[in-house]
Amino acid sequence: MAGGIEFLPKEYGYVPLVIVLYIFLNFYMSAQVGLARKKYKVPYPTLYASEAENKDAKLFNCIQRGHQNSLESMTLFFALMVLGGIKHPIISAALGILYIVTRFFYFKGYSTGIPDNRLGGLGKFWLLAIFGLVFCTVSFGVSLLLS
């Protein structure tokens, strides 16, 4: 291998692929917010609609919030994937896929306009994936200290 990545296991290649998959999910959510802006007449740069001014504010705000929440946790997800994947690339990639699937259902549930729906179905399991990735990252850190 060239480019200074000789220390990475071959299977680490799954990690950046999963991260790119999440980026595509983010594109999808972003497009849904854009479509909702047009449909519910919420112009830029307004982040959230006012319920006093827009009868569809709650529905738009739920769509926006579903995307915003995913953006807020994206850096955590990326960091855990990159670090935990060094020692546990296949487990991290599998947990990353679980995270992506659960974030999709979290967003779809939130987008119904009923905030509690974000935790229905698979949407409630995103935290399980994060905790698994935390475990992989801690395992990597401990292995560095003990080597």
N, C-alpha and C. Protein backbone atom coordinates (compact mmCIF):
# COMPACT_ATOMS: atom_id res chain seq x y z
N MET A 1 0.84 -1.19 0.00
CA MET A 1 0.00 0.00 0.00
C MET A 1 0.88 1.24 0.00
N ALA A 2 0.36 2.28 -0.59
CA ALA A 2 1.10 3.54 -0.64
C ALA A 2 0.33 4.60 0.13
N GLY A 3 1.00 5.69 0.41
CA GLY A 3 0.34 6.83 1.03
C GLY A 3 0.30 6.79 2.54
N GLY A 4 1.08 5.96 3.20
CA GLY A 4 1.15 5.95 4.65
C GLY A 4 -0.02 5.27 5.34
N ILE A 5 -0.75 4.39 4.66
CA ILE A 5 -1.88 3.72 5.32
C ILE A 5 -1.60 2.24 5.52
N GLU A 6 -0.34 1.88 5.53
CA GLU A 6 0.03 0.47 5.66
C GLU A 6 -0.45 -0.15 6.97
N PHE A 7 -0.63 0.67 7.99
CA PHE A 7 -1.03 0.14 9.30
C PHE A 7 -2.51 -0.20 9.37
N LEU A 8 -3.29 0.23 8.41
CA LEU A 8 -4.72 -0.04 8.43
C LEU A 8 -5.02 -1.43 7.87
N PRO A 9 -5.95 -2.14 8.52
CA PRO A 9 -6.34 -3.44 7.97
C PRO A 9 -7.10 -3.24 6.65
N LYS A 10 -7.01 -4.20 5.79
CA LYS A 10 -7.67 -4.14 4.48
C LYS A 10 -9.17 -3.85 4.65
N GLU A 11 -9.78 -4.46 5.66
CA GLU A 11 -11.21 -4.33 5.88
C GLU A 11 -11.61 -2.90 6.28
N TYR A 12 -10.63 -2.07 6.62
CA TYR A 12 -10.93 -0.68 6.97
C TYR A 12 -11.60 0.04 5.79
N GLY A 13 -11.42 -0.47 4.59
CA GLY A 13 -12.06 0.13 3.42
C GLY A 13 -13.57 0.23 3.55
N TYR A 14 -14.18 -0.63 4.35
CA TYR A 14 -15.63 -0.54 4.56
C TYR A 14 -16.02 0.73 5.30
N VAL A 15 -15.13 1.19 6.17
CA VAL A 15 -15.45 2.36 7.02
C VAL A 15 -15.72 3.62 6.18
N PRO A 16 -14.81 4.03 5.30
CA PRO A 16 -15.14 5.23 4.50
C PRO A 16 -16.34 5.02 3.58
N LEU A 17 -16.56 3.80 3.13
CA LEU A 17 -17.73 3.55 2.28
C LEU A 17 -19.04 3.76 3.06
N VAL A 18 -19.05 3.33 4.31
CA VAL A 18 -20.23 3.54 5.15
C VAL A 18 -20.42 5.03 5.43
N ILE A 19 -19.33 5.73 5.67
CA ILE A 19 -19.42 7.18 5.90
C ILE A 19 -20.00 7.88 4.67
N VAL A 20 -19.57 7.48 3.49
CA VAL A 20 -20.12 8.07 2.25
C VAL A 20 -21.61 7.74 2.13
N LEU A 21 -22.00 6.54 2.53
CA LEU A 21 -23.42 6.18 2.50
C LEU A 21 -24.23 7.13 3.40
N TYR A 22 -23.68 7.46 4.55
CA TYR A 22 -24.35 8.40 5.44
C TYR A 22 -24.46 9.79 4.81
N ILE A 23 -23.43 10.19 4.08
CA ILE A 23 -23.48 11.47 3.39
C ILE A 23 -24.63 11.49 2.39
N PHE A 24 -24.86 10.38 1.70
CA PHE A 24 -26.00 10.31 0.79
C PHE A 24 -27.33 10.40 1.54
N LEU A 25 -27.41 9.80 2.72
CA LEU A 25 -28.61 9.95 3.54
C LEU A 25 -28.80 11.42 3.90
N ASN A 26 -27.72 12.10 4.24
CA ASN A 26 -27.81 13.52 4.56
C ASN A 26 -28.31 14.33 3.36
N PHE A 27 -27.82 14.01 2.17
CA PHE A 27 -28.31 14.68 0.96
C PHE A 27 -29.83 14.48 0.82
N TYR A 28 -30.28 13.25 1.06
CA TYR A 28 -31.71 12.95 0.97
C TYR A 28 -32.50 13.80 1.96
N MET A 29 -32.04 13.84 3.22
CA MET A 29 -32.76 14.61 4.23
C MET A 29 -32.76 16.10 3.89
N SER A 30 -31.64 16.58 3.41
CA SER A 30 -31.53 17.99 3.01
C SER A 30 -32.52 18.31 1.89
N ALA A 31 -32.63 17.43 0.93
CA ALA A 31 -33.58 17.62 -0.17
C ALA A 31 -35.02 17.63 0.35
N GLN A 32 -35.32 16.78 1.33
CA GLN A 32 -36.66 16.76 1.90
C GLN A 32 -36.99 18.08 2.59
N VAL A 33 -36.00 18.65 3.27
CA VAL A 33 -36.22 19.96 3.90
C VAL A 33 -36.45 21.02 2.83
N GLY A 34 -35.66 20.98 1.76
CA GLY A 34 -35.85 21.93 0.67
C GLY A 34 -37.23 21.84 0.05
N LEU A 35 -37.70 20.63 -0.18
CA LEU A 35 -39.04 20.43 -0.72
C LEU A 35 -40.11 20.93 0.25
N ALA A 36 -39.89 20.69 1.54
CA ALA A 36 -40.85 21.14 2.55
C ALA A 36 -40.86 22.67 2.63
N ARG A 37 -39.72 23.30 2.43
CA ARG A 37 -39.67 24.78 2.41
C ARG A 37 -40.61 25.33 1.34
N LYS A 38 -40.54 24.73 0.16
CA LYS A 38 -41.40 25.18 -0.93
C LYS A 38 -42.87 24.87 -0.63
N LYS A 39 -43.14 23.66 -0.21
CA LYS A 39 -44.52 23.22 0.03
C LYS A 39 -45.20 24.03 1.13
N TYR A 40 -44.46 24.30 2.21
CA TYR A 40 -45.06 24.98 3.37
C TYR A 40 -44.71 26.47 3.43
N LYS A 41 -44.07 26.95 2.36
CA LYS A 41 -43.75 28.38 2.22
C LYS A 41 -42.95 28.93 3.40
N VAL A 42 -41.80 28.29 3.62
CA VAL A 42 -40.87 28.75 4.66
C VAL A 42 -39.59 29.18 3.95
N PRO A 43 -39.42 30.48 3.74
CA PRO A 43 -38.28 30.96 2.96
C PRO A 43 -36.96 30.92 3.75
N TYR A 44 -35.86 30.87 3.00
CA TYR A 44 -34.54 31.03 3.62
C TYR A 44 -34.42 32.48 4.07
N PRO A 45 -33.72 32.83 5.10
CA PRO A 45 -32.90 31.98 5.96
C PRO A 45 -33.63 31.46 7.20
N THR A 46 -34.95 31.50 7.20
CA THR A 46 -35.72 31.05 8.35
C THR A 46 -35.42 29.58 8.64
N LEU A 47 -34.93 29.32 9.85
CA LEU A 47 -34.58 27.94 10.21
C LEU A 47 -35.84 27.16 10.60
N TYR A 48 -36.70 27.78 11.40
CA TYR A 48 -37.94 27.13 11.83
C TYR A 48 -39.11 28.07 11.58
N ALA A 49 -40.24 27.50 11.22
CA ALA A 49 -41.44 28.28 10.95
C ALA A 49 -42.13 28.65 12.26
N SER A 50 -42.79 29.78 12.26
CA SER A 50 -43.54 30.24 13.42
C SER A 50 -44.97 29.71 13.34
N GLU A 51 -45.41 29.06 14.40
CA GLU A 51 -46.76 28.51 14.40
C GLU A 51 -47.82 29.62 14.36
N ALA A 52 -47.44 30.82 14.81
CA ALA A 52 -48.37 31.93 14.77
C ALA A 52 -48.57 32.46 13.34
N GLU A 53 -47.57 32.20 12.49
CA GLU A 53 -47.61 32.74 11.13
C GLU A 53 -47.86 31.70 10.04
N ASN A 54 -47.74 30.42 10.39
CA ASN A 54 -47.83 29.38 9.36
C ASN A 54 -48.59 28.19 9.93
N LYS A 55 -49.72 27.85 9.31
CA LYS A 55 -50.54 26.74 9.81
C LYS A 55 -49.83 25.39 9.71
N ASP A 56 -48.85 25.30 8.82
CA ASP A 56 -48.10 24.04 8.64
C ASP A 56 -46.75 24.06 9.35
N ALA A 57 -46.57 25.00 10.28
CA ALA A 57 -45.28 25.18 10.93
C ALA A 57 -44.81 23.91 11.64
N LYS A 58 -45.69 23.25 12.35
CA LYS A 58 -45.26 22.06 13.10
C LYS A 58 -44.75 20.98 12.17
N LEU A 59 -45.45 20.75 11.06
CA LEU A 59 -45.01 19.73 10.12
C LEU A 59 -43.65 20.09 9.52
N PHE A 60 -43.51 21.34 9.06
CA PHE A 60 -42.22 21.77 8.53
C PHE A 60 -41.14 21.65 9.58
N ASN A 61 -41.41 22.12 10.79
CA ASN A 61 -40.41 22.11 11.85
C ASN A 61 -39.97 20.69 12.21
N CYS A 62 -40.89 19.75 12.13
CA CYS A 62 -40.52 18.35 12.40
C CYS A 62 -39.59 17.81 11.32
N ILE A 63 -39.85 18.15 10.07
CA ILE A 63 -38.96 17.73 8.98
C ILE A 63 -37.59 18.37 9.16
N GLN A 64 -37.60 19.66 9.44
CA GLN A 64 -36.34 20.40 9.65
C GLN A 64 -35.59 19.84 10.86
N ARG A 65 -36.32 19.57 11.93
CA ARG A 65 -35.68 19.08 13.16
C ARG A 65 -35.09 17.68 12.96
N GLY A 66 -35.79 16.83 12.19
CA GLY A 66 -35.24 15.50 11.91
C GLY A 66 -33.90 15.59 11.21
N HIS A 67 -33.78 16.50 10.26
CA HIS A 67 -32.51 16.70 9.56
C HIS A 67 -31.49 17.35 10.49
N GLN A 68 -31.91 18.38 11.21
CA GLN A 68 -31.00 19.10 12.11
C GLN A 68 -30.42 18.16 13.16
N ASN A 69 -31.26 17.30 13.72
CA ASN A 69 -30.79 16.37 14.73
C ASN A 69 -29.73 15.43 14.16
N SER A 70 -29.93 15.01 12.93
CA SER A 70 -28.93 14.14 12.29
C SER A 70 -27.63 14.89 12.06
N LEU A 71 -27.71 16.17 11.70
CA LEU A 71 -26.50 16.98 11.53
C LEU A 71 -25.76 17.14 12.85
N GLU A 72 -26.52 17.31 13.93
CA GLU A 72 -25.90 17.50 15.24
C GLU A 72 -25.11 16.29 15.70
N SER A 73 -25.53 15.11 15.29
CA SER A 73 -24.82 13.90 15.72
C SER A 73 -23.86 13.36 14.65
N MET A 74 -23.80 14.01 13.51
CA MET A 74 -22.99 13.51 12.40
C MET A 74 -21.49 13.48 12.74
N THR A 75 -20.97 14.53 13.36
CA THR A 75 -19.53 14.53 13.67
C THR A 75 -19.17 13.45 14.69
N LEU A 76 -20.06 13.22 15.64
CA LEU A 76 -19.84 12.14 16.60
C LEU A 76 -19.78 10.80 15.88
N PHE A 77 -20.74 10.57 14.99
CA PHE A 77 -20.78 9.33 14.22
C PHE A 77 -19.51 9.16 13.40
N PHE A 78 -19.11 10.20 12.68
CA PHE A 78 -17.91 10.11 11.84
C PHE A 78 -16.66 9.81 12.68
N ALA A 79 -16.50 10.52 13.80
CA ALA A 79 -15.31 10.31 14.64
C ALA A 79 -15.27 8.88 15.18
N LEU A 80 -16.40 8.40 15.65
CA LEU A 80 -16.44 7.03 16.19
C LEU A 80 -16.19 5.99 15.10
N MET A 81 -16.71 6.24 13.91
CA MET A 81 -16.47 5.32 12.79
C MET A 81 -14.99 5.27 12.44
N VAL A 82 -14.38 6.43 12.28
CA VAL A 82 -12.98 6.51 11.86
C VAL A 82 -12.06 5.88 12.90
N LEU A 83 -12.28 6.18 14.17
CA LEU A 83 -11.38 5.68 15.22
C LEU A 83 -11.67 4.22 15.58
N GLY A 84 -12.92 3.91 15.84
CA GLY A 84 -13.26 2.53 16.21
C GLY A 84 -13.00 1.56 15.08
N GLY A 85 -13.11 2.06 13.85
CA GLY A 85 -12.89 1.21 12.68
C GLY A 85 -11.46 0.80 12.47
N ILE A 86 -10.53 1.48 13.09
CA ILE A 86 -9.12 1.10 12.94
C ILE A 86 -8.87 -0.29 13.52
N LYS A 87 -9.43 -0.53 14.69
CA LYS A 87 -9.24 -1.85 15.33
C LYS A 87 -10.37 -2.82 14.97
N HIS A 88 -11.56 -2.31 14.77
CA HIS A 88 -12.73 -3.16 14.53
C HIS A 88 -13.45 -2.69 13.26
N PRO A 89 -12.83 -2.82 12.10
CA PRO A 89 -13.44 -2.25 10.89
C PRO A 89 -14.77 -2.90 10.48
N ILE A 90 -14.87 -4.20 10.60
CA ILE A 90 -16.10 -4.87 10.16
C ILE A 90 -17.24 -4.60 11.14
N ILE A 91 -16.94 -4.68 12.43
CA ILE A 91 -17.97 -4.39 13.43
C ILE A 91 -18.41 -2.94 13.31
N SER A 92 -17.45 -2.02 13.16
CA SER A 92 -17.79 -0.60 13.03
C SER A 92 -18.61 -0.34 11.77
N ALA A 93 -18.25 -0.97 10.67
CA ALA A 93 -19.01 -0.80 9.44
C ALA A 93 -20.44 -1.33 9.61
N ALA A 94 -20.59 -2.47 10.25
CA ALA A 94 -21.92 -3.03 10.48
C ALA A 94 -22.74 -2.12 11.40
N LEU A 95 -22.11 -1.61 12.44
CA LEU A 95 -22.80 -0.67 13.33
C LEU A 95 -23.13 0.62 12.58
N GLY A 96 -22.26 1.03 11.68
CA GLY A 96 -22.52 2.21 10.87
C GLY A 96 -23.73 2.03 9.97
N ILE A 97 -23.85 0.85 9.38
CA ILE A 97 -25.04 0.55 8.56
C ILE A 97 -26.30 0.58 9.43
N LEU A 98 -26.21 -0.02 10.61
CA LEU A 98 -27.34 0.01 11.54
C LEU A 98 -27.70 1.46 11.87
N TYR A 99 -26.70 2.27 12.14
CA TYR A 99 -26.93 3.69 12.45
C TYR A 99 -27.64 4.39 11.29
N ILE A 100 -27.18 4.16 10.08
CA ILE A 100 -27.77 4.82 8.91
C ILE A 100 -29.23 4.40 8.73
N VAL A 101 -29.49 3.12 8.84
CA VAL A 101 -30.86 2.63 8.68
C VAL A 101 -31.76 3.23 9.77
N THR A 102 -31.29 3.22 11.01
CA THR A 102 -32.10 3.76 12.09
C THR A 102 -32.29 5.27 11.95
N ARG A 103 -31.28 5.99 11.47
CA ARG A 103 -31.43 7.44 11.27
C ARG A 103 -32.43 7.73 10.15
N PHE A 104 -32.47 6.89 9.14
CA PHE A 104 -33.47 7.06 8.08
C PHE A 104 -34.87 6.95 8.68
N PHE A 105 -35.11 5.90 9.47
CA PHE A 105 -36.43 5.72 10.06
C PHE A 105 -36.74 6.78 11.12
N TYR A 106 -35.72 7.23 11.82
CA TYR A 106 -35.88 8.35 12.77
C TYR A 106 -36.39 9.57 12.02
N PHE A 107 -35.74 9.89 10.89
CA PHE A 107 -36.13 11.04 10.08
C PHE A 107 -37.54 10.87 9.51
N LYS A 108 -37.83 9.70 8.96
CA LYS A 108 -39.15 9.46 8.38
C LYS A 108 -40.24 9.58 9.44
N GLY A 109 -39.97 9.06 10.62
CA GLY A 109 -40.96 9.17 11.70
C GLY A 109 -41.17 10.61 12.13
N TYR A 110 -40.08 11.34 12.28
CA TYR A 110 -40.16 12.75 12.67
C TYR A 110 -40.91 13.55 11.61
N SER A 111 -40.71 13.22 10.35
CA SER A 111 -41.30 13.95 9.23
C SER A 111 -42.81 13.81 9.14
N THR A 112 -43.40 12.97 9.96
CA THR A 112 -44.86 12.83 9.96
C THR A 112 -45.53 14.03 10.63
N GLY A 113 -44.75 14.81 11.36
CA GLY A 113 -45.31 15.94 12.10
C GLY A 113 -45.65 15.58 13.53
N ILE A 114 -45.43 14.33 13.88
CA ILE A 114 -45.66 13.88 15.26
C ILE A 114 -44.29 13.48 15.81
N PRO A 115 -43.69 14.36 16.64
CA PRO A 115 -42.33 14.11 17.10
C PRO A 115 -42.08 12.73 17.73
N ASP A 116 -43.06 12.20 18.44
CA ASP A 116 -42.87 10.89 19.07
C ASP A 116 -42.68 9.77 18.05
N ASN A 117 -43.11 9.98 16.81
CA ASN A 117 -42.95 8.96 15.78
C ASN A 117 -41.48 8.73 15.41
N ARG A 118 -40.60 9.65 15.77
CA ARG A 118 -39.18 9.49 15.44
C ARG A 118 -38.58 8.26 16.14
N LEU A 119 -39.20 7.87 17.23
CA LEU A 119 -38.69 6.72 17.99
C LEU A 119 -39.49 5.45 17.75
N GLY A 120 -40.37 5.48 16.77
CA GLY A 120 -41.13 4.28 16.44
C GLY A 120 -40.33 3.38 15.52
N GLY A 121 -40.69 2.12 15.48
CA GLY A 121 -39.99 1.18 14.59
C GLY A 121 -38.50 1.13 14.88
N LEU A 122 -37.71 1.19 13.82
CA LEU A 122 -36.25 1.11 13.96
C LEU A 122 -35.62 2.41 14.42
N GLY A 123 -36.36 3.52 14.38
CA GLY A 123 -35.81 4.82 14.73
C GLY A 123 -35.22 4.92 16.12
N LYS A 124 -35.69 4.07 17.02
CA LYS A 124 -35.23 4.14 18.40
C LYS A 124 -33.88 3.44 18.63
N PHE A 125 -33.37 2.74 17.63
CA PHE A 125 -32.15 1.96 17.84
C PHE A 125 -30.86 2.68 17.43
N TRP A 126 -30.95 3.95 17.02
CA TRP A 126 -29.75 4.66 16.60
C TRP A 126 -28.74 4.75 17.74
N LEU A 127 -29.23 4.91 18.97
CA LEU A 127 -28.33 5.04 20.11
C LEU A 127 -27.58 3.73 20.38
N LEU A 128 -28.21 2.61 20.10
CA LEU A 128 -27.55 1.31 20.24
C LEU A 128 -26.32 1.24 19.33
N ALA A 129 -26.48 1.73 18.10
CA ALA A 129 -25.34 1.75 17.16
C ALA A 129 -24.24 2.67 17.68
N ILE A 130 -24.62 3.83 18.21
CA ILE A 130 -23.62 4.77 18.74
C ILE A 130 -22.86 4.14 19.91
N PHE A 131 -23.57 3.51 20.83
CA PHE A 131 -22.89 2.87 21.96
C PHE A 131 -21.96 1.76 21.50
N GLY A 132 -22.36 1.01 20.49
CA GLY A 132 -21.47 0.00 19.93
C GLY A 132 -20.21 0.62 19.36
N LEU A 133 -20.37 1.74 18.66
CA LEU A 133 -19.20 2.44 18.10
C LEU A 133 -18.33 3.04 19.20
N VAL A 134 -18.95 3.50 20.27
CA VAL A 134 -18.17 3.98 21.43
C VAL A 134 -17.34 2.84 21.98
N PHE A 135 -17.92 1.66 22.11
CA PHE A 135 -17.19 0.50 22.61
C PHE A 135 -16.00 0.19 21.69
N CYS A 136 -16.21 0.21 20.38
CA CYS A 136 -15.11 -0.05 19.43
C CYS A 136 -14.00 0.99 19.57
N THR A 137 -14.37 2.24 19.77
CA THR A 137 -13.38 3.31 19.89
C THR A 137 -12.62 3.20 21.20
N VAL A 138 -13.32 2.89 22.29
CA VAL A 138 -12.64 2.68 23.57
C VAL A 138 -11.70 1.50 23.48
N SER A 139 -12.14 0.43 22.85
CA SER A 139 -11.29 -0.74 22.67
C SER A 139 -10.01 -0.38 21.91
N PHE A 140 -10.15 0.43 20.88
CA PHE A 140 -8.99 0.88 20.11
C PHE A 140 -8.06 1.71 20.98
N GLY A 141 -8.62 2.65 21.73
CA GLY A 141 -7.79 3.49 22.61
C GLY A 141 -7.06 2.68 23.66
N VAL A 142 -7.75 1.76 24.30
CA VAL A 142 -7.12 0.91 25.32
C VAL A 142 -6.02 0.05 24.71
N SER A 143 -6.25 -0.49 23.52
CA SER A 143 -5.24 -1.33 22.89
C SER A 143 -3.98 -0.52 22.57
N LEU A 144 -4.14 0.75 22.22
CA LEU A 144 -2.96 1.60 21.98
C LEU A 144 -2.17 1.80 23.27
N LEU A 145 -2.88 2.04 24.37
CA LEU A 145 -2.22 2.28 25.64
C LEU A 145 -1.52 1.03 26.18
N LEU A 146 -2.07 -0.13 25.88
CA LEU A 146 -1.50 -1.38 26.39
C LEU A 146 -0.42 -1.98 25.48
N SER A 147 -0.23 -1.41 24.31
CA SER A 147 0.75 -2.00 23.39
C SER A 147 2.15 -1.49 23.65
